[in-house]
């Protein structure tokens, strides 16, 4: 896989390469050789630090985008997004519900059904993400649940 390196990382790698060349050109046991070798190591460490920082930033951006996506699904399901605590709880519950469904091997419900059920239980006052998720999973797994209740729990 080809990776596009940032300018900061490229600069560090170039500096490390230059220090490596200067260390090789210096006499074997000279202070210059040790100093340039040490500088090469430090430039490489800085490059790794930048790489880690950029990967972490990309993961955080990805999670934030996923969170916005989930909030939009909850909004379409009728969630009141003015209550930030309820929104956070419903978001966590939705993510955990969809994760649990995907790991159990059961047929995955459409996201709007799960979101509507989460919103339904949240409107009844439930704020615990685990209990919200468990209530939805129980309903989704119930064979006797009427079809019209699955699509409109209110």
Protein backbone atom coordinates (compact mmCIF):
# COMPACT_ATOMS: atom_id res chain seq x y z
CA UNK A 1 0.00 0.00 0.00
CA UNK A 2 1.41 3.37 -0.97
CA UNK A 3 1.34 5.94 1.80
CA UNK A 4 1.43 9.66 1.16
CA UNK A 5 3.95 11.09 3.59
CA UNK A 6 3.40 14.52 5.04
CA UNK A 7 5.93 17.24 4.39
CA UNK A 8 7.03 17.14 8.04
CA UNK A 9 7.81 13.43 7.86
CA UNK A 10 9.60 13.78 4.54
CA UNK A 11 11.71 16.62 5.96
CA UNK A 12 12.67 14.52 8.99
CA UNK A 13 13.59 11.55 6.81
CA UNK A 14 15.69 13.77 4.55
CA UNK A 15 17.51 15.22 7.58
CA UNK A 16 18.07 11.69 8.96
CA UNK A 17 19.50 10.58 5.61
CA UNK A 18 21.87 13.59 5.51
CA UNK A 19 23.05 12.86 9.06
CA UNK A 20 23.58 9.19 8.17
CA UNK A 21 25.73 10.16 5.20
CA UNK A 22 27.79 12.57 7.31
CA UNK A 23 28.24 9.92 10.01
CA UNK A 24 29.48 7.40 7.44
CA UNK A 25 31.89 9.99 6.02
CA UNK A 26 33.37 10.78 9.44
CA UNK A 27 36.30 8.72 10.86
CA UNK A 28 35.23 5.52 12.66
CA UNK A 29 35.58 6.49 16.31
CA UNK A 30 35.29 10.27 16.00
CA UNK A 31 32.94 12.48 17.98
CA UNK A 32 31.45 13.74 14.68
CA UNK A 33 30.46 10.18 13.73
CA UNK A 34 28.73 9.66 17.10
CA UNK A 35 27.03 13.07 16.95
CA UNK A 36 25.71 12.61 13.40
CA UNK A 37 24.57 9.07 14.23
CA UNK A 38 22.75 10.41 17.29
CA UNK A 39 21.15 13.16 15.18
CA UNK A 40 20.02 10.57 12.62
CA UNK A 41 18.34 8.58 15.40
CA UNK A 42 16.60 11.70 16.71
CA UNK A 43 15.35 12.73 13.23
CA UNK A 44 13.96 9.22 12.71
CA UNK A 45 12.24 9.33 16.12
CA UNK A 46 10.69 12.68 15.23
CA UNK A 47 9.46 11.28 11.91
CA UNK A 48 7.84 8.33 13.75
CA UNK A 49 6.26 10.76 16.19
CA UNK A 50 4.75 12.79 13.34
CA UNK A 51 3.51 9.60 11.68
CA UNK A 52 1.85 8.42 14.89
CA UNK A 53 0.27 11.83 15.43
CA UNK A 54 -1.13 11.88 11.89
CA UNK A 55 -2.53 8.34 12.16
CA UNK A 56 -4.16 9.17 15.47
CA UNK A 57 -5.63 12.35 14.03
CA UNK A 58 -7.05 10.41 11.08
CA UNK A 59 -8.66 7.88 13.42
CA UNK A 60 -10.21 10.64 15.52
CA UNK A 61 -11.53 12.35 12.39
CA UNK A 62 -13.00 9.03 11.25
CA UNK A 63 -14.72 8.51 14.59
CA UNK A 64 -16.10 12.04 14.59
CA UNK A 65 -17.49 11.49 11.09
CA UNK A 66 -19.06 8.20 12.23
CA UNK A 67 -20.56 9.93 15.27
CA UNK A 68 -22.08 12.63 13.03
CA UNK A 69 -23.51 9.88 10.81
CA UNK A 70 -25.09 8.13 13.81
CA UNK A 71 -26.54 11.41 15.11
CA UNK A 72 -28.10 12.04 11.70
CA UNK A 73 -29.72 8.58 11.79
CA UNK A 74 -31.06 9.28 15.29
CA UNK A 75 -32.34 12.67 14.12
CA UNK A 76 -34.22 11.05 11.24
CA UNK A 77 -35.67 8.60 13.78
CA UNK A 78 -37.12 11.53 15.72
CA UNK A 79 -34.54 12.04 18.45
CA UNK A 80 -34.53 15.32 20.35
CA UNK A 81 -30.95 16.44 19.83
CA UNK A 82 -31.25 19.45 22.13
CA UNK A 83 -30.53 17.22 25.15
CA UNK A 84 -26.81 16.54 24.79
CA UNK A 85 -26.73 13.84 27.48
CA UNK A 86 -29.62 11.94 25.89
CA UNK A 87 -28.02 12.34 22.46
CA UNK A 88 -24.70 10.95 23.73
CA UNK A 89 -26.48 8.02 25.39
CA UNK A 90 -28.52 7.23 22.29
CA UNK A 91 -25.39 7.49 20.12
CA UNK A 92 -23.51 5.01 22.29
CA UNK A 93 -26.53 2.73 22.45
CA UNK A 94 -26.92 2.76 18.67
CA UNK A 95 -23.24 1.97 18.08
CA UNK A 96 -23.28 -0.84 20.65
CA UNK A 97 -26.54 -2.25 19.28
CA UNK A 98 -25.25 -2.39 15.71
CA UNK A 99 -21.95 -3.87 16.92
CA UNK A 100 -23.76 -6.54 18.95
CA UNK A 101 -26.02 -7.45 16.05
CA UNK A 102 -23.08 -7.78 13.67
CA UNK A 103 -21.16 -10.08 16.05
CA UNK A 104 -24.08 -12.36 16.88
CA UNK A 105 -24.65 -13.42 13.30
CA UNK A 106 -28.33 -12.58 13.45
CA UNK A 107 -29.87 -10.76 10.54
CA UNK A 108 -28.91 -7.13 10.79
CA UNK A 109 -31.92 -4.82 11.07
CA UNK A 110 -31.93 -1.67 9.07
CA UNK A 111 -30.38 1.17 10.98
CA UNK A 112 -33.54 3.23 11.08
CA UNK A 113 -35.42 0.46 12.90
CA UNK A 114 -32.76 0.23 15.60
CA UNK A 115 -32.62 4.03 15.85
CA UNK A 116 -36.40 4.33 16.19
CA UNK A 117 -36.42 1.78 18.99
CA UNK A 118 -33.58 3.55 20.79
CA UNK A 119 -35.37 6.90 20.46
CA UNK A 120 -38.56 5.27 21.74
CA UNK A 121 -36.90 3.98 24.91
CA UNK A 122 -35.00 7.24 25.42
CA UNK A 123 -38.29 9.16 25.26
CA UNK A 124 -39.52 6.94 28.08
CA UNK A 125 -36.63 8.28 30.17
CA UNK A 126 -33.94 5.63 29.77
CA UNK A 127 -30.49 7.23 29.73
CA UNK A 128 -28.22 4.23 30.26
CA UNK A 129 -26.66 3.26 26.89
CA UNK A 130 -26.29 -0.39 27.93
CA UNK A 131 -29.94 -0.68 28.97
CA UNK A 132 -31.07 1.12 25.82
CA UNK A 133 -29.05 -1.25 23.67
CA UNK A 134 -30.19 -4.35 25.58
CA UNK A 135 -33.86 -3.34 25.31
CA UNK A 136 -33.52 -2.89 21.56
CA UNK A 137 -31.65 -6.18 21.15
CA UNK A 138 -34.34 -8.02 23.10
CA UNK A 139 -37.04 -6.56 20.86
CA UNK A 140 -35.09 -7.28 17.70
CA UNK A 141 -34.57 -10.88 18.76
CA UNK A 142 -38.20 -11.42 19.81
CA UNK A 143 -39.95 -13.62 17.27
CA UNK A 144 -43.40 -12.53 18.44
CA UNK A 145 -42.93 -8.81 17.94
CA UNK A 146 -45.62 -7.40 15.63
CA UNK A 147 -44.24 -6.06 12.36
CA UNK A 148 -45.94 -2.67 12.75
CA UNK A 149 -44.30 -2.20 16.19
CA UNK A 150 -40.84 -2.80 14.68
CA UNK A 151 -41.22 0.14 12.34
CA UNK A 152 -43.10 2.57 14.58
CA UNK A 153 -42.61 1.90 18.30
CA UNK A 154 -44.63 4.96 19.40
